[in-house]
Amino acid sequence: MPLIGFCRNIYFDWLEETASLVCLGEEAGAIRARVDGRVAEQIASDVNRRQAVDILVNVWVKSAEVYPALHAAARRLFQATTGHDDHAALHYGLTLLTYPFFRQAAQVIGQTLRFGGAVRTSTLQEKMPAVLGDLGALQAACRRMTFSLRNWGLLVDGRQRYAYVAREPRPRLSSLEMECWLLAAALRAHPADTLPFEDLVRLPELFPFELTLSARDARHCALLEVQRSGGGWDMVALAVAMIGSS
């Protein structure tokens, strides 16, 4: 798994087209060729275009090999919904799974916003070396991160120039099933195997979305298992069937 990998600006429309081709059952090679043509409309460089296409294919095609249960659910939900925010949640969740850098950077953004600050690209550029080390590509990757989240509608311009905040009100997803899927994706991407329910729904990397489901709701989610601990906590883990297939 690459330390960064998320090294190009990724447009929401590109993700939409990639996901649509996956849901149509196109082969990986055909998807890559179609997406390459779309990306070429905005990126002339062969190297940069290949990197962007690699990200799109990794998120929506190759993730099926590593996370088949979550990917299958994402495909079904993508076809069943049409709203921007639902689709953004699916793209976001699969990217959390595919690129650890993306999850770690989203965590930094969420933590910054939680304490009332706006986020700048420089915020990530200052904080991410403590997480990943001073990698050569890290500064540029931080710029890709803030650009992409703004393009997806998950960060918006703040009061000051080059300062970004979360959308308000935070996007609500169209169903508890969508919320359960996003929680399952975030938990699978997280280093911990289990988390208290209250900690899971408050993960800083879930900052773009307003989650409304309860622990009781989560008990009815096929992707999650909720067990009451001796200390009275509702502990959430991935469903056993899903772990076996991932």
C-alpha atoms as a PDB file:
ATOM      1  CA  MET A   1       0.000   0.000   0.000  1.00  0.00           C
ATOM      2  CA  PRO A   2       1.587   3.325  -1.043  1.00  0.00           C
ATOM      3  CA  LEU A   3       2.378   5.833   1.695  1.00  0.00           C
ATOM      4  CA  ILE A   4       0.712   8.583  -0.319  1.00  0.00           C
ATOM      5  CA  GLY A   5      -0.665   7.464  -3.681  1.00  0.00           C
ATOM      6  CA  PHE A   6      -3.313  10.211  -3.789  1.00  0.00           C
ATOM      7  CA  CYS A   7      -1.080  12.436  -5.888  1.00  0.00           C
ATOM      8  CA  ARG A   8      -3.356  14.172  -8.411  1.00  0.00           C
ATOM      9  CA  ASN A   9      -6.392  16.440  -8.314  1.00  0.00           C
ATOM     10  CA  ILE A  10      -9.426  14.170  -8.635  1.00  0.00           C
ATOM     11  CA  TYR A  11     -12.655  15.636  -9.974  1.00  0.00           C
ATOM     12  CA  PHE A  12     -16.077  14.521  -8.787  1.00  0.00           C
ATOM     13  CA  ASP A  13     -17.268  14.019 -12.381  1.00  0.00           C
ATOM     14  CA  TRP A  14     -14.395  11.620 -13.037  1.00  0.00           C
ATOM     15  CA  LEU A  15     -15.410   9.520 -10.043  1.00  0.00           C
ATOM     16  CA  GLU A  16     -19.029   9.555 -11.196  1.00  0.00           C
ATOM     17  CA  GLU A  17     -18.078   8.263 -14.633  1.00  0.00           C
ATOM     18  CA  THR A  18     -15.787   5.573 -13.208  1.00  0.00           C
ATOM     19  CA  ALA A  19     -18.461   4.371 -10.795  1.00  0.00           C
ATOM     20  CA  SER A  20     -21.089   4.339 -13.551  1.00  0.00           C
ATOM     21  CA  LEU A  21     -18.877   2.178 -15.759  1.00  0.00           C
ATOM     22  CA  VAL A  22     -18.250  -0.220 -12.876  1.00  0.00           C
ATOM     23  CA  CYS A  23     -21.984  -0.494 -12.244  1.00  0.00           C
ATOM     24  CA  LEU A  24     -22.546  -1.231 -15.937  1.00  0.00           C
ATOM     25  CA  GLY A  25     -20.236  -4.233 -15.578  1.00  0.00           C
ATOM     26  CA  GLU A  26     -17.505  -2.953 -17.894  1.00  0.00           C
ATOM     27  CA  GLU A  27     -14.169  -4.769 -17.800  1.00  0.00           C
ATOM     28  CA  ALA A  28     -11.258  -3.071 -16.037  1.00  0.00           C
ATOM     29  CA  GLY A  29      -9.388  -2.428 -19.290  1.00  0.00           C
ATOM     30  CA  ALA A  30     -12.394  -0.814 -20.918  1.00  0.00           C
ATOM     31  CA  ILE A  31     -13.005   1.330 -17.854  1.00  0.00           C
ATOM     32  CA  ARG A  32      -9.409   2.509 -17.866  1.00  0.00           C
ATOM     33  CA  ALA A  33      -9.587   3.415 -21.558  1.00  0.00           C
ATOM     34  CA  ARG A  34     -12.871   5.315 -21.184  1.00  0.00           C
ATOM     35  CA  VAL A  35     -11.730   7.167 -18.095  1.00  0.00           C
ATOM     36  CA  ASP A  36      -8.380   7.989 -19.697  1.00  0.00           C
ATOM     37  CA  GLY A  37     -10.216   9.736 -22.505  1.00  0.00           C
ATOM     38  CA  ARG A  38     -12.250  11.755 -20.031  1.00  0.00           C
ATOM     39  CA  VAL A  39      -9.244  12.747 -17.940  1.00  0.00           C
ATOM     40  CA  ALA A  40      -7.323  13.719 -21.103  1.00  0.00           C
ATOM     41  CA  GLU A  41      -9.801  16.570 -21.577  1.00  0.00           C
ATOM     42  CA  GLN A  42      -8.166  18.292 -18.591  1.00  0.00           C
ATOM     43  CA  ILE A  43      -4.716  16.729 -18.227  1.00  0.00           C
ATOM     44  CA  ALA A  44      -2.362  16.761 -21.202  1.00  0.00           C
ATOM     45  CA  SER A  45       0.680  15.179 -19.573  1.00  0.00           C
ATOM     46  CA  ASP A  46       0.808  11.411 -20.095  1.00  0.00           C
ATOM     47  CA  VAL A  47       2.388  10.823 -16.695  1.00  0.00           C
ATOM     48  CA  ASN A  48      -0.046  13.011 -14.785  1.00  0.00           C
ATOM     49  CA  ARG A  49      -3.015  11.552 -16.654  1.00  0.00           C
ATOM     50  CA  ARG A  50      -1.908   7.987 -15.904  1.00  0.00           C
ATOM     51  CA  GLN A  51      -1.579   8.832 -12.210  1.00  0.00           C
ATOM     52  CA  ALA A  52      -5.091  10.288 -12.123  1.00  0.00           C
ATOM     53  CA  VAL A  53      -6.544   7.270 -13.943  1.00  0.00           C
ATOM     54  CA  ASP A  54      -4.701   4.938 -11.564  1.00  0.00           C
ATOM     55  CA  ILE A  55      -6.375   6.646  -8.596  1.00  0.00           C
ATOM     56  CA  LEU A  56      -9.835   6.371 -10.148  1.00  0.00           C
ATOM     57  CA  VAL A  57      -9.328   2.702 -11.029  1.00  0.00           C
ATOM     58  CA  ASN A  58      -7.878   1.898  -7.617  1.00  0.00           C
ATOM     59  CA  VAL A  59     -10.842   3.519  -5.856  1.00  0.00           C
ATOM     60  CA  TRP A  60     -13.686   2.055  -7.885  1.00  0.00           C
ATOM     61  CA  VAL A  61     -12.258  -1.058  -9.574  1.00  0.00           C
ATOM     62  CA  LYS A  62      -9.378  -2.565  -7.617  1.00  0.00           C
ATOM     63  CA  SER A  63     -11.046  -1.944  -4.242  1.00  0.00           C
ATOM     64  CA  ALA A  64     -13.400  -4.795  -5.179  1.00  0.00           C
ATOM     65  CA  GLU A  65     -10.480  -7.224  -4.873  1.00  0.00           C
ATOM     66  CA  VAL A  66      -9.587  -6.116  -1.344  1.00  0.00           C
ATOM     67  CA  TYR A  67     -12.979  -5.120   0.077  1.00  0.00           C
ATOM     68  CA  PRO A  68     -15.533  -7.167  -1.918  1.00  0.00           C
ATOM     69  CA  ALA A  69     -18.433  -6.838   0.529  1.00  0.00           C
ATOM     70  CA  LEU A  70     -18.080  -3.083   0.927  1.00  0.00           C
ATOM     71  CA  HIS A  71     -17.539  -2.640  -2.803  1.00  0.00           C
ATOM     72  CA  ALA A  72     -20.615  -4.683  -3.681  1.00  0.00           C
ATOM     73  CA  ALA A  73     -22.696  -2.615  -1.277  1.00  0.00           C
ATOM     74  CA  ALA A  74     -21.251   0.600  -2.732  1.00  0.00           C
ATOM     75  CA  ARG A  75     -22.189  -0.476  -6.247  1.00  0.00           C
ATOM     76  CA  ARG A  76     -25.739  -1.262  -5.186  1.00  0.00           C
ATOM     77  CA  LEU A  77     -26.113   2.021  -3.302  1.00  0.00           C
ATOM     78  CA  PHE A  78     -24.648   4.026  -6.181  1.00  0.00           C
ATOM     79  CA  GLN A  79     -27.259   2.582  -8.526  1.00  0.00           C
ATOM     80  CA  ALA A  80     -30.078   3.072  -6.023  1.00  0.00           C
ATOM     81  CA  THR A  81     -29.336   6.750  -5.311  1.00  0.00           C
ATOM     82  CA  THR A  82     -28.928   9.821  -7.467  1.00  0.00           C
ATOM     83  CA  GLY A  83     -28.138  12.605  -5.008  1.00  0.00           C
ATOM     84  CA  HIS A  84     -24.757  14.339  -5.015  1.00  0.00           C
ATOM     85  CA  ASP A  85     -24.208  13.854  -1.286  1.00  0.00           C
ATOM     86  CA  ASP A  86     -24.888  10.101  -1.323  1.00  0.00           C
ATOM     87  CA  HIS A  87     -22.518   9.624  -4.230  1.00  0.00           C
ATOM     88  CA  ALA A  88     -19.917  11.860  -2.578  1.00  0.00           C
ATOM     89  CA  ALA A  89     -20.115   9.648   0.526  1.00  0.00           C
ATOM     90  CA  LEU A  90     -19.512   6.529  -1.567  1.00  0.00           C
ATOM     91  CA  HIS A  91     -16.526   8.066  -3.378  1.00  0.00           C
ATOM     92  CA  TYR A  92     -15.193   9.374  -0.069  1.00  0.00           C
ATOM     93  CA  GLY A  93     -15.583   6.074   1.762  1.00  0.00           C
ATOM     94  CA  LEU A  94     -13.889   4.031  -0.951  1.00  0.00           C
ATOM     95  CA  THR A  95     -11.036   6.542  -1.072  1.00  0.00           C
ATOM     96  CA  LEU A  96     -10.627   6.267   2.715  1.00  0.00           C
ATOM     97  CA  LEU A  97     -10.249   2.521   2.207  1.00  0.00           C
ATOM     98  CA  THR A  98      -7.876   2.759  -0.736  1.00  0.00           C
ATOM     99  CA  TYR A  99      -5.445   5.439   0.401  1.00  0.00           C
ATOM    100  CA  PRO A 100      -4.273   5.598   4.037  1.00  0.00           C
ATOM    101  CA  PHE A 101      -2.843   9.060   3.344  1.00  0.00           C
ATOM    102  CA  PHE A 102      -6.315  10.255   2.411  1.00  0.00           C
ATOM    103  CA  ARG A 103      -7.776   8.970   5.691  1.00  0.00           C
ATOM    104  CA  GLN A 104      -4.948  10.454   7.744  1.00  0.00           C
ATOM    105  CA  ALA A 105      -5.223  13.829   6.022  1.00  0.00           C
ATOM    106  CA  ALA A 106      -9.018  13.793   6.453  1.00  0.00           C
ATOM    107  CA  GLN A 107      -8.452  13.058  10.132  1.00  0.00           C
ATOM    108  CA  VAL A 108      -6.232  16.138  10.463  1.00  0.00           C
ATOM    109  CA  ILE A 109      -8.835  18.250   8.666  1.00  0.00           C
ATOM    110  CA  GLY A 110     -11.620  16.955  10.901  1.00  0.00           C
ATOM    111  CA  GLN A 111      -9.626  17.578  14.065  1.00  0.00           C
ATOM    112  CA  THR A 112      -8.812  21.128  12.968  1.00  0.00           C
ATOM    113  CA  LEU A 113     -12.439  21.904  12.144  1.00  0.00           C
ATOM    114  CA  ARG A 114     -13.651  20.363  15.389  1.00  0.00           C
ATOM    115  CA  PHE A 115     -11.680  22.929  17.366  1.00  0.00           C
ATOM    116  CA  GLY A 116     -13.200  25.802  15.444  1.00  0.00           C
ATOM    117  CA  GLY A 117     -10.427  26.504  12.995  1.00  0.00           C
ATOM    118  CA  ALA A 118     -10.489  26.779   9.244  1.00  0.00           C
ATOM    119  CA  VAL A 119      -8.271  24.468   7.217  1.00  0.00           C
ATOM    120  CA  ARG A 120      -5.603  25.607   4.821  1.00  0.00           C
ATOM    121  CA  THR A 121      -3.425  23.483   2.604  1.00  0.00           C
ATOM    122  CA  SER A 122      -0.576  24.684   4.790  1.00  0.00           C
ATOM    123  CA  THR A 123      -2.353  23.119   7.796  1.00  0.00           C
ATOM    124  CA  LEU A 124      -1.853  19.700   6.236  1.00  0.00           C
ATOM    125  CA  GLN A 125       1.619  20.540   4.995  1.00  0.00           C
ATOM    126  CA  GLU A 126       2.653  21.417   8.539  1.00  0.00           C
ATOM    127  CA  LYS A 127       0.976  18.491  10.325  1.00  0.00           C
ATOM    128  CA  MET A 128       1.240  15.527   7.962  1.00  0.00           C
ATOM    129  CA  PRO A 129       5.052  15.096   8.216  1.00  0.00           C
ATOM    130  CA  ALA A 130       4.521  14.150  11.880  1.00  0.00           C
ATOM    131  CA  VAL A 131       2.204  11.371  10.670  1.00  0.00           C
ATOM    132  CA  LEU A 132       4.066  10.049   7.618  1.00  0.00           C
ATOM    133  CA  GLY A 133       7.528  11.579   7.816  1.00  0.00           C
ATOM    134  CA  ASP A 134       8.947  14.251   5.556  1.00  0.00           C
ATOM    135  CA  LEU A 135       8.251  12.535   2.242  1.00  0.00           C
ATOM    136  CA  GLY A 136       9.166  14.352  -0.941  1.00  0.00           C
ATOM    137  CA  ALA A 137       5.699  14.125  -2.486  1.00  0.00           C
ATOM    138  CA  LEU A 138       3.821  15.059   0.673  1.00  0.00           C
ATOM    139  CA  GLN A 139       3.557  18.811   0.142  1.00  0.00           C
ATOM    140  CA  ALA A 140       1.987  18.403  -3.296  1.00  0.00           C
ATOM    141  CA  ALA A 141      -0.326  15.617  -2.059  1.00  0.00           C
ATOM    142  CA  CYS A 142      -1.724  17.987   0.562  1.00  0.00           C
ATOM    143  CA  ARG A 143      -2.645  20.414  -2.213  1.00  0.00           C
ATOM    144  CA  ARG A 144      -4.353  17.581  -4.090  1.00  0.00           C
ATOM    145  CA  MET A 145      -6.320  16.712  -0.978  1.00  0.00           C
ATOM    146  CA  THR A 146      -7.815  20.155  -0.370  1.00  0.00           C
ATOM    147  CA  PHE A 147      -8.487  20.721  -4.078  1.00  0.00           C
ATOM    148  CA  SER A 148     -10.334  17.416  -4.413  1.00  0.00           C
ATOM    149  CA  LEU A 149     -12.459  17.835  -1.290  1.00  0.00           C
ATOM    150  CA  ARG A 150     -13.489  21.296  -2.478  1.00  0.00           C
ATOM    151  CA  ASN A 151     -14.361  19.933  -5.910  1.00  0.00           C
ATOM    152  CA  TRP A 152     -16.454  17.168  -4.306  1.00  0.00           C
ATOM    153  CA  GLY A 153     -18.357  19.794  -2.306  1.00  0.00           C
ATOM    154  CA  LEU A 154     -17.058  18.574   1.056  1.00  0.00           C
ATOM    155  CA  LEU A 155     -14.963  21.652   1.828  1.00  0.00           C
ATOM    156  CA  VAL A 156     -16.039  25.197   0.955  1.00  0.00           C
ATOM    157  CA  ASP A 157     -14.298  28.556   1.055  1.00  0.00           C
ATOM    158  CA  GLY A 158     -14.081  30.148   4.474  1.00  0.00           C
ATOM    159  CA  ARG A 159     -14.023  33.836   5.359  1.00  0.00           C
ATOM    160  CA  GLN A 160     -10.331  34.226   4.667  1.00  0.00           C
ATOM    161  CA  ARG A 161      -8.573  33.566   1.402  1.00  0.00           C
ATOM    162  CA  TYR A 162      -7.271  30.015   1.010  1.00  0.00           C
ATOM    163  CA  ALA A 163      -9.023  28.930   4.213  1.00  0.00           C
ATOM    164  CA  TYR A 164     -11.638  26.186   3.987  1.00  0.00           C
ATOM    165  CA  VAL A 165     -14.426  24.951   6.201  1.00  0.00           C
ATOM    166  CA  ALA A 166     -16.958  22.133   6.096  1.00  0.00           C
ATOM    167  CA  ARG A 167     -20.277  22.730   4.378  1.00  0.00           C
ATOM    168  CA  GLU A 168     -22.993  23.943   6.686  1.00  0.00           C
ATOM    169  CA  PRO A 169     -25.379  22.454   7.286  1.00  0.00           C
ATOM    170  CA  ARG A 170     -23.408  19.237   6.965  1.00  0.00           C
ATOM    171  CA  PRO A 171     -24.761  16.936   4.274  1.00  0.00           C
ATOM    172  CA  ARG A 172     -27.251  14.337   5.486  1.00  0.00           C
ATOM    173  CA  LEU A 173     -27.335  11.047   3.644  1.00  0.00           C
ATOM    174  CA  SER A 174     -30.606   9.785   2.236  1.00  0.00           C
ATOM    175  CA  SER A 175     -30.941   6.637   4.346  1.00  0.00           C
ATOM    176  CA  LEU A 176     -29.682   4.848   7.424  1.00  0.00           C
ATOM    177  CA  GLU A 177     -28.318   2.189   5.060  1.00  0.00           C
ATOM    178  CA  MET A 178     -26.054   4.807   3.489  1.00  0.00           C
ATOM    179  CA  GLU A 179     -24.908   5.943   6.919  1.00  0.00           C
ATOM    180  CA  CYS A 180     -24.201   2.343   7.952  1.00  0.00           C
ATOM    181  CA  TRP A 181     -22.138   1.806   4.815  1.00  0.00           C
ATOM    182  CA  LEU A 182     -20.072   4.922   5.469  1.00  0.00           C
ATOM    183  CA  LEU A 183     -19.470   3.854   9.076  1.00  0.00           C
ATOM    184  CA  ALA A 184     -18.411   0.394   7.923  1.00  0.00           C
ATOM    185  CA  ALA A 185     -15.986   1.896   5.391  1.00  0.00           C
ATOM    186  CA  ALA A 186     -14.525   4.248   8.006  1.00  0.00           C
ATOM    187  CA  LEU A 187     -14.135   1.418  10.512  1.00  0.00           C
ATOM    188  CA  ARG A 188     -12.486  -0.852   7.934  1.00  0.00           C
ATOM    189  CA  ALA A 189     -10.038   1.934   7.051  1.00  0.00           C
ATOM    190  CA  HIS A 190      -9.298   2.668  10.730  1.00  0.00           C
ATOM    191  CA  PRO A 191      -6.380   0.913  12.478  1.00  0.00           C
ATOM    192  CA  ALA A 192      -8.675  -0.370  15.268  1.00  0.00           C
ATOM    193  CA  ASP A 193     -10.766  -3.493  14.761  1.00  0.00           C
ATOM    194  CA  THR A 194     -13.495  -2.306  17.129  1.00  0.00           C
ATOM    195  CA  LEU A 195     -14.583   1.100  18.414  1.00  0.00           C
ATOM    196  CA  PRO A 196     -17.239   2.334  20.820  1.00  0.00           C
ATOM    197  CA  PHE A 197     -20.223   3.476  18.790  1.00  0.00           C
ATOM    198  CA  GLU A 198     -19.952   7.053  20.067  1.00  0.00           C
ATOM    199  CA  ASP A 199     -16.297   7.189  19.019  1.00  0.00           C
ATOM    200  CA  LEU A 200     -17.034   5.695  15.607  1.00  0.00           C
ATOM    201  CA  VAL A 201     -19.702   8.235  14.653  1.00  0.00           C
ATOM    202  CA  ARG A 202     -17.429  11.039  15.894  1.00  0.00           C
ATOM    203  CA  LEU A 203     -14.306   9.988  13.979  1.00  0.00           C
ATOM    204  CA  PRO A 204     -12.743  13.237  12.752  1.00  0.00           C
ATOM    205  CA  GLU A 205     -12.345  11.799   9.248  1.00  0.00           C
ATOM    206  CA  LEU A 206     -16.146  11.646   8.989  1.00  0.00           C
ATOM    207  CA  PHE A 207     -16.293  15.452   9.338  1.00  0.00           C
ATOM    208  CA  PRO A 208     -18.059  16.131   6.013  1.00  0.00           C
ATOM    209  CA  PHE A 209     -21.290  14.359   6.968  1.00  0.00           C
ATOM    210  CA  GLU A 210     -23.966  14.690   9.615  1.00  0.00           C
ATOM    211  CA  LEU A 211     -24.730  11.199  10.883  1.00  0.00           C
ATOM    212  CA  THR A 212     -28.095  10.634  12.517  1.00  0.00           C
ATOM    213  CA  LEU A 213     -28.240   6.912  13.187  1.00  0.00           C
ATOM    214  CA  SER A 214     -28.207   5.450  16.698  1.00  0.00           C
ATOM    215  CA  ALA A 215     -26.475   2.385  18.111  1.00  0.00           C
ATOM    216  CA  ARG A 216     -29.834   0.656  17.878  1.00  0.00           C
ATOM    217  CA  ASP A 217     -29.986   1.495  14.166  1.00  0.00           C
ATOM    218  CA  ALA A 218     -26.458   0.153  13.712  1.00  0.00           C
ATOM    219  CA  ARG A 219     -27.546  -3.207  15.164  1.00  0.00           C
ATOM    220  CA  HIS A 220     -29.703  -3.665  12.058  1.00  0.00           C
ATOM    221  CA  CYS A 221     -26.849  -2.955   9.652  1.00  0.00           C
ATOM    222  CA  ALA A 222     -25.677  -6.075   7.808  1.00  0.00           C
ATOM    223  CA  LEU A 223     -22.129  -4.698   7.567  1.00  0.00           C
ATOM    224  CA  LEU A 224     -21.693  -4.074  11.305  1.00  0.00           C
ATOM    225  CA  GLU A 225     -21.948  -5.986  14.556  1.00  0.00           C
ATOM    226  CA  VAL A 226     -22.744  -4.150  17.791  1.00  0.00           C
ATOM    227  CA  GLN A 227     -22.057  -5.829  21.139  1.00  0.00           C
ATOM    228  CA  ARG A 228     -22.693  -4.448  24.612  1.00  0.00           C
ATOM    229  CA  SER A 229     -19.463  -4.523  26.613  1.00  0.00           C
ATOM    230  CA  GLY A 230     -19.182  -5.192  30.331  1.00  0.00           C
ATOM    231  CA  GLY A 231     -18.500  -1.507  30.859  1.00  0.00           C
ATOM    232  CA  GLY A 232     -21.782  -0.560  29.222  1.00  0.00           C
ATOM    233  CA  TRP A 233     -20.289   0.548  25.903  1.00  0.00           C
ATOM    234  CA  ASP A 234     -21.829  -0.348  22.551  1.00  0.00           C
ATOM    235  CA  MET A 235     -18.771  -1.746  20.764  1.00  0.00           C
ATOM    236  CA  VAL A 236     -18.883  -1.837  16.972  1.00  0.00           C
ATOM    237  CA  ALA A 237     -16.976  -4.241  14.731  1.00  0.00           C
ATOM    238  CA  LEU A 238     -17.295  -5.295  11.134  1.00  0.00           C
ATOM    239  CA  ALA A 239     -19.691  -8.166  10.541  1.00  0.00           C
ATOM    240  CA  VAL A 240     -17.938 -11.534  10.595  1.00  0.00           C
ATOM    241  CA  ALA A 241     -19.050 -12.343   7.046  1.00  0.00           C
ATOM    242  CA  MET A 242     -17.578  -9.086   5.824  1.00  0.00           C
ATOM    243  CA  ILE A 243     -14.237  -9.662   7.543  1.00  0.00           C
ATOM    244  CA  GLY A 244     -13.997 -13.067   5.924  1.00  0.00           C
ATOM    245  CA  SER A 245     -14.563 -11.582   2.472  1.00  0.00           C
ATOM    246  CA  SER A 246     -12.185  -8.648   2.923  1.00  0.00           C
END
